[in-house]
Protein backbone atom coordinates (compact mmCIF):
# COMPACT_ATOMS: atom_id res chain seq x y z
CA UNK A 1 -47.60 30.72 4.72
CA UNK A 2 -51.18 29.85 5.51
CA UNK A 3 -52.48 26.95 3.38
CA UNK A 4 -55.30 29.01 1.83
CA UNK A 5 -52.83 31.67 0.69
CA UNK A 6 -50.63 28.95 -0.75
CA UNK A 7 -53.53 27.42 -2.67
CA UNK A 8 -54.46 30.85 -4.06
CA UNK A 9 -51.01 31.06 -5.65
CA UNK A 10 -51.51 27.84 -7.61
CA UNK A 11 -53.16 27.78 -11.03
CA UNK A 12 -56.50 26.12 -11.65
CA UNK A 13 -54.63 23.39 -13.55
CA UNK A 14 -52.36 22.79 -10.55
CA UNK A 15 -55.32 22.59 -8.20
CA UNK A 16 -57.14 20.19 -10.52
CA UNK A 17 -54.03 18.02 -10.70
CA UNK A 18 -53.89 17.95 -6.89
CA UNK A 19 -57.57 17.01 -6.75
CA UNK A 20 -57.09 14.17 -9.21
CA UNK A 21 -53.96 13.04 -7.33
CA UNK A 22 -55.98 12.79 -4.11
CA UNK A 23 -58.88 11.02 -5.81
CA UNK A 24 -56.40 8.52 -7.27
CA UNK A 25 -55.04 7.94 -3.74
CA UNK A 26 -51.66 9.19 -4.89
CA UNK A 27 -51.34 6.64 -7.67
CA UNK A 28 -49.24 8.14 -10.42
CA UNK A 29 -50.15 5.17 -12.64
CA UNK A 30 -53.82 6.05 -12.29
CA UNK A 31 -53.11 9.70 -13.07
CA UNK A 32 -51.12 8.70 -16.16
CA UNK A 33 -54.12 6.68 -17.38
CA UNK A 34 -56.54 9.50 -16.56
CA UNK A 35 -54.50 12.15 -18.37
CA UNK A 36 -53.48 9.79 -21.19
CA UNK A 37 -49.77 10.53 -20.73
CA UNK A 38 -46.76 8.56 -19.58
CA UNK A 39 -45.81 7.88 -15.99
CA UNK A 40 -42.55 9.92 -16.31
CA UNK A 41 -44.56 12.91 -17.57
CA UNK A 42 -46.92 12.65 -14.58
CA UNK A 43 -43.91 12.38 -12.25
CA UNK A 44 -42.41 15.52 -13.83
CA UNK A 45 -45.72 17.37 -13.36
CA UNK A 46 -45.82 16.33 -9.70
CA UNK A 47 -42.21 17.42 -9.20
CA UNK A 48 -43.01 20.85 -10.66
CA UNK A 49 -46.02 21.17 -8.38
CA UNK A 50 -43.86 20.26 -5.38
CA UNK A 51 -41.33 22.93 -6.42
CA UNK A 52 -44.10 25.54 -6.67
CA UNK A 53 -45.41 24.64 -3.23
CA UNK A 54 -41.89 24.78 -1.78
CA UNK A 55 -41.26 28.14 -3.46
CA UNK A 56 -44.44 29.62 -2.03
CA UNK A 57 -43.83 28.09 1.41
CA UNK A 58 -40.42 29.69 1.93
CA UNK A 59 -39.89 32.61 4.23
CA UNK A 60 -37.94 34.84 1.90
CA UNK A 61 -37.01 38.42 1.19
CA UNK A 62 -37.65 37.86 -2.51
CA UNK A 63 -39.88 40.40 -4.20
CA UNK A 64 -43.21 39.34 -5.67
CA UNK A 65 -41.63 39.74 -9.12
CA UNK A 66 -38.79 37.38 -8.21
CA UNK A 67 -41.22 34.79 -6.89
CA UNK A 68 -43.38 35.05 -10.00
CA UNK A 69 -40.37 34.70 -12.30
CA UNK A 70 -39.23 31.62 -10.36
CA UNK A 71 -42.72 30.14 -10.65
CA UNK A 72 -42.76 30.81 -14.40
CA UNK A 73 -39.40 29.05 -14.76
CA UNK A 74 -40.71 26.05 -12.79
CA UNK A 75 -43.83 25.91 -14.97
CA UNK A 76 -41.64 26.03 -18.07
CA UNK A 77 -43.22 29.24 -19.37
CA UNK A 78 -39.86 31.02 -19.57
CA UNK A 79 -36.30 29.84 -19.32
CA UNK A 80 -33.97 30.71 -16.48
CA UNK A 81 -31.81 32.97 -18.65
CA UNK A 82 -34.82 35.10 -19.66
CA UNK A 83 -36.00 35.32 -16.04
CA UNK A 84 -32.55 36.45 -14.95
CA UNK A 85 -32.47 39.13 -17.66
CA UNK A 86 -35.93 40.40 -16.70
CA UNK A 87 -34.96 40.56 -13.04
CA UNK A 88 -31.70 42.36 -13.86
CA UNK A 89 -33.52 44.95 -15.99
CA UNK A 90 -36.10 45.44 -13.24
CA UNK A 91 -33.44 45.99 -10.58
CA UNK A 92 -31.56 48.46 -12.80
CA UNK A 93 -34.78 50.45 -13.31
CA UNK A 94 -35.24 50.96 -9.57
């Protein structure tokens, strides 16, 4: 996937986090200070962002709905069980 398309799939919060990460020269300690949260929380946020980038970088036959559900699970907006149920209902409706 072209980098601009990949960036368009990230939220404004994700892009801002990436910007701050770069400005902090990759220092998670600096980001933790900036955001006023713990180092492990910053590390978790970075791990989620990496997962989103990996998800959107894959060459896959997954539908846009599947990709969106996976992204929502990664972001913690829905749990995996709910995503699976939504996907199952969608497939049954086709």
